Amino acid sequence: MGEKKLITSQAIKARYFGQDDTSHSIMDIVNYHNEDMVNKLKWGTQKNYFTTQKYISKFLLKSYKTTDLYLRELDYHFIIKFEKYLRGYMPVDHQKPMANNTVMKHIERFRKLINLSFKLGWIERDPFVSFKSKFIKNDRSFLSSEELQVIENKLFLIPSTEFGKGFICIRLLY
């Protein structure tokens, strides 16, 4: 009632057998985006979306005890909870939680996915309409000669950082 759809025998049969549900989930839009952007985005950007997808999955498991949710269930409260989760999450390979701008980049990528689902007609309202991203501008200065010398002379105890030492210095000098 009130669906404004053409009533046909096929539509009635699909409704009876529960095959007319056109609801889409968070993972549906993530998978659609990943497949659609495979040759459009550079690998580094794709990798960032995969990382955001991983955090969305972990958040859903921890906060909702599920692996997926329908897009229609998303609201402002969901976004705020996801932001809070990211701010408190400590990645295994880091010594501290994510900084503000890292959290905002993950939210920004999630927002792009939800905006795509809105454009595709998969949801009727944008849950991000009231959400405002808050990036912090960081002014970075050049390292002094003394700071470069400290890095150059640093003995790294973690084997994986030995290779990174040369990369850092080379990158800073160019």
Protein backbone atom coordinates (compact mmCIF):
# COMPACT_ATOMS: atom_id res chain seq x y z
CA MET A 1 0.00 0.00 0.00
CA GLY A 2 1.39 3.41 -0.96
CA GLU A 3 4.44 1.95 -2.73
CA LYS A 4 3.57 3.49 -6.12
CA LYS A 5 4.63 0.36 -7.99
CA LEU A 6 2.96 -1.29 -10.95
CA ILE A 7 0.94 -4.30 -9.83
CA THR A 8 1.55 -7.26 -12.10
CA SER A 9 1.24 -11.00 -11.66
CA GLN A 10 5.06 -11.22 -11.49
CA ALA A 11 5.15 -8.50 -8.78
CA ILE A 12 2.48 -10.31 -6.73
CA LYS A 13 4.34 -13.62 -7.09
CA ALA A 14 7.66 -11.98 -6.07
CA ARG A 15 5.98 -10.39 -3.03
CA TYR A 16 4.41 -13.70 -2.02
CA PHE A 17 7.76 -15.52 -2.19
CA GLY A 18 9.65 -12.63 -0.53
CA GLN A 19 11.72 -11.96 -3.63
CA ASP A 20 10.69 -8.33 -4.09
CA ASP A 21 12.80 -6.89 -1.29
CA THR A 22 15.17 -4.36 -2.83
CA SER A 23 16.85 -3.42 0.43
CA HIS A 24 20.57 -2.86 0.24
CA SER A 25 23.12 -3.14 3.01
CA ILE A 26 26.32 -1.39 3.99
CA MET A 27 28.39 -4.23 2.54
CA ASP A 28 26.37 -4.08 -0.70
CA ILE A 29 27.46 -0.47 -1.28
CA VAL A 30 31.04 -1.24 -0.20
CA ASN A 31 31.24 -4.14 -2.67
CA TYR A 32 29.55 -2.11 -5.43
CA HIS A 33 32.05 0.71 -4.90
CA ASN A 34 35.06 -1.62 -4.81
CA GLU A 35 34.01 -3.34 -8.05
CA ASP A 36 33.11 -0.06 -9.79
CA MET A 37 36.32 1.75 -8.82
CA VAL A 38 38.81 -1.08 -9.46
CA ASN A 39 40.21 0.59 -12.61
CA LYS A 40 39.33 4.17 -11.67
CA LEU A 41 41.26 4.65 -8.42
CA LYS A 42 44.97 4.29 -7.78
CA TRP A 43 45.99 1.32 -5.65
CA GLY A 44 46.83 3.50 -2.61
CA THR A 45 43.35 5.03 -2.63
CA GLN A 46 41.73 1.61 -3.02
CA LYS A 47 43.81 0.34 -0.11
CA ASN A 48 42.47 3.19 2.03
CA TYR A 49 38.89 2.16 1.19
CA PHE A 50 39.71 -1.44 2.15
CA THR A 51 41.02 -0.18 5.50
CA THR A 52 37.83 1.85 6.05
CA GLN A 53 35.80 -1.26 5.15
CA LYS A 54 37.77 -3.25 7.76
CA TYR A 55 36.97 -0.65 10.45
CA ILE A 56 33.28 -0.61 9.48
CA SER A 57 33.18 -4.41 9.82
CA LYS A 58 34.90 -4.34 13.21
CA PHE A 59 32.54 -1.58 14.39
CA LEU A 60 29.44 -3.53 13.28
CA LEU A 61 30.65 -6.63 15.10
CA LYS A 62 31.48 -4.80 18.30
CA SER A 63 28.57 -2.35 18.49
CA TYR A 64 25.75 -4.22 16.72
CA LYS A 65 26.88 -7.87 17.02
CA THR A 66 26.37 -8.33 13.27
CA THR A 67 28.40 -8.31 10.06
CA ASP A 68 26.07 -6.02 8.12
CA LEU A 69 23.12 -3.61 8.39
CA TYR A 70 20.55 -2.34 5.94
CA LEU A 71 21.35 1.14 4.65
CA ARG A 72 17.88 2.30 5.72
CA GLU A 73 18.91 1.64 9.35
CA LEU A 74 21.69 4.23 9.20
CA ASP A 75 21.10 7.49 11.01
CA TYR A 76 23.02 10.33 12.64
CA HIS A 77 23.41 8.27 15.82
CA PHE A 78 25.13 5.46 13.86
CA ILE A 79 27.63 7.94 12.40
CA ILE A 80 28.41 9.47 15.80
CA LYS A 81 28.90 5.98 17.29
CA PHE A 82 31.21 5.02 14.41
CA GLU A 83 33.25 8.20 14.93
CA LYS A 84 33.53 7.50 18.67
CA TYR A 85 34.56 3.90 17.93
CA LEU A 86 37.33 5.07 15.56
CA ARG A 87 38.61 7.60 18.09
CA GLY A 88 38.95 4.87 20.73
CA TYR A 89 40.20 2.08 18.46
CA MET A 90 43.87 1.20 18.79
CA PRO A 91 45.20 -0.48 15.63
CA VAL A 92 47.46 -3.44 16.44
CA ASP A 93 50.42 -1.95 14.53
CA HIS A 94 50.23 1.49 16.22
CA GLN A 95 51.31 2.82 19.60
CA LYS A 96 48.37 5.18 20.01
CA PRO A 97 44.77 5.66 18.85
CA MET A 98 44.01 7.34 15.54
CA ALA A 99 44.44 11.10 15.35
CA ASN A 100 41.50 13.36 14.51
CA ASN A 101 42.28 13.75 10.79
CA THR A 102 42.70 9.98 10.33
CA VAL A 103 39.28 9.44 11.90
CA MET A 104 37.80 12.14 9.65
CA LYS A 105 39.32 10.54 6.52
CA HIS A 106 37.63 7.22 7.38
CA ILE A 107 34.35 9.05 8.02
CA GLU A 108 34.81 10.94 4.73
CA ARG A 109 35.27 7.69 2.79
CA PHE A 110 32.23 6.16 4.52
CA ARG A 111 30.26 9.31 3.67
CA LYS A 112 31.23 8.93 0.00
CA LEU A 113 29.89 5.36 0.03
CA ILE A 114 26.61 6.44 1.62
CA ASN A 115 26.31 9.37 -0.80
CA LEU A 116 26.77 6.92 -3.68
CA SER A 117 23.97 4.72 -2.30
CA PHE A 118 21.75 7.83 -2.07
CA LYS A 119 22.50 8.72 -5.72
CA LEU A 120 21.76 5.13 -6.75
CA GLY A 121 18.37 5.34 -5.02
CA TRP A 122 19.28 2.65 -2.49
CA ILE A 123 18.31 4.95 0.41
CA GLU A 124 15.75 7.73 0.61
CA ARG A 125 17.59 10.05 2.98
CA ASP A 126 21.19 10.96 3.64
CA PRO A 127 22.13 10.15 7.26
CA PHE A 128 25.12 12.51 6.96
CA VAL A 129 22.94 15.58 6.34
CA SER A 130 23.58 16.95 9.86
CA PHE A 131 27.14 15.65 10.26
CA LYS A 132 30.04 18.08 9.93
CA SER A 133 33.60 16.79 9.49
CA LYS A 134 36.14 18.60 11.65
CA PHE A 135 39.66 18.48 10.21
CA ILE A 136 42.50 20.09 12.15
CA LYS A 137 44.95 22.07 10.04
CA ASN A 138 48.52 21.03 10.80
CA ASP A 139 51.34 23.36 9.79
CA ARG A 140 54.43 21.23 9.31
CA SER A 141 57.85 22.74 9.26
CA PHE A 142 61.04 21.38 7.74
CA LEU A 143 63.40 19.38 9.90
CA SER A 144 66.54 21.13 11.01
CA SER A 145 70.00 19.75 10.19
CA GLU A 146 70.29 18.55 13.77
CA GLU A 147 66.96 16.69 13.58
CA LEU A 148 68.01 15.05 10.31
CA GLN A 149 71.30 14.03 11.94
CA VAL A 150 69.43 12.41 14.86
CA ILE A 151 67.32 10.37 12.43
CA GLU A 152 70.38 9.41 10.41
CA ASN A 153 72.24 8.21 13.50
CA LYS A 154 69.24 6.49 15.11
CA LEU A 155 69.67 2.78 15.73
CA PHE A 156 66.31 1.12 15.16
CA LEU A 157 65.65 -1.95 17.27
CA ILE A 158 62.63 -3.12 15.28
CA PRO A 159 63.88 -4.83 12.08
CA SER A 160 61.05 -3.53 9.87
CA THR A 161 62.00 0.10 10.65
CA GLU A 162 65.61 -0.25 9.48
CA PHE A 163 64.50 -0.10 5.86
CA GLY A 164 62.17 2.81 6.67
CA LYS A 165 65.05 4.89 8.07
CA GLY A 166 66.66 5.37 4.68
CA PHE A 167 63.29 6.04 3.07
CA ILE A 168 62.47 8.78 5.59
CA CYS A 169 65.77 10.60 5.03
CA ILE A 170 65.57 10.32 1.24
CA ARG A 171 61.99 11.57 1.21
CA LEU A 172 62.81 14.52 3.45
CA LEU A 173 65.77 15.59 1.34
CA TYR A 174 63.89 15.71 -1.94
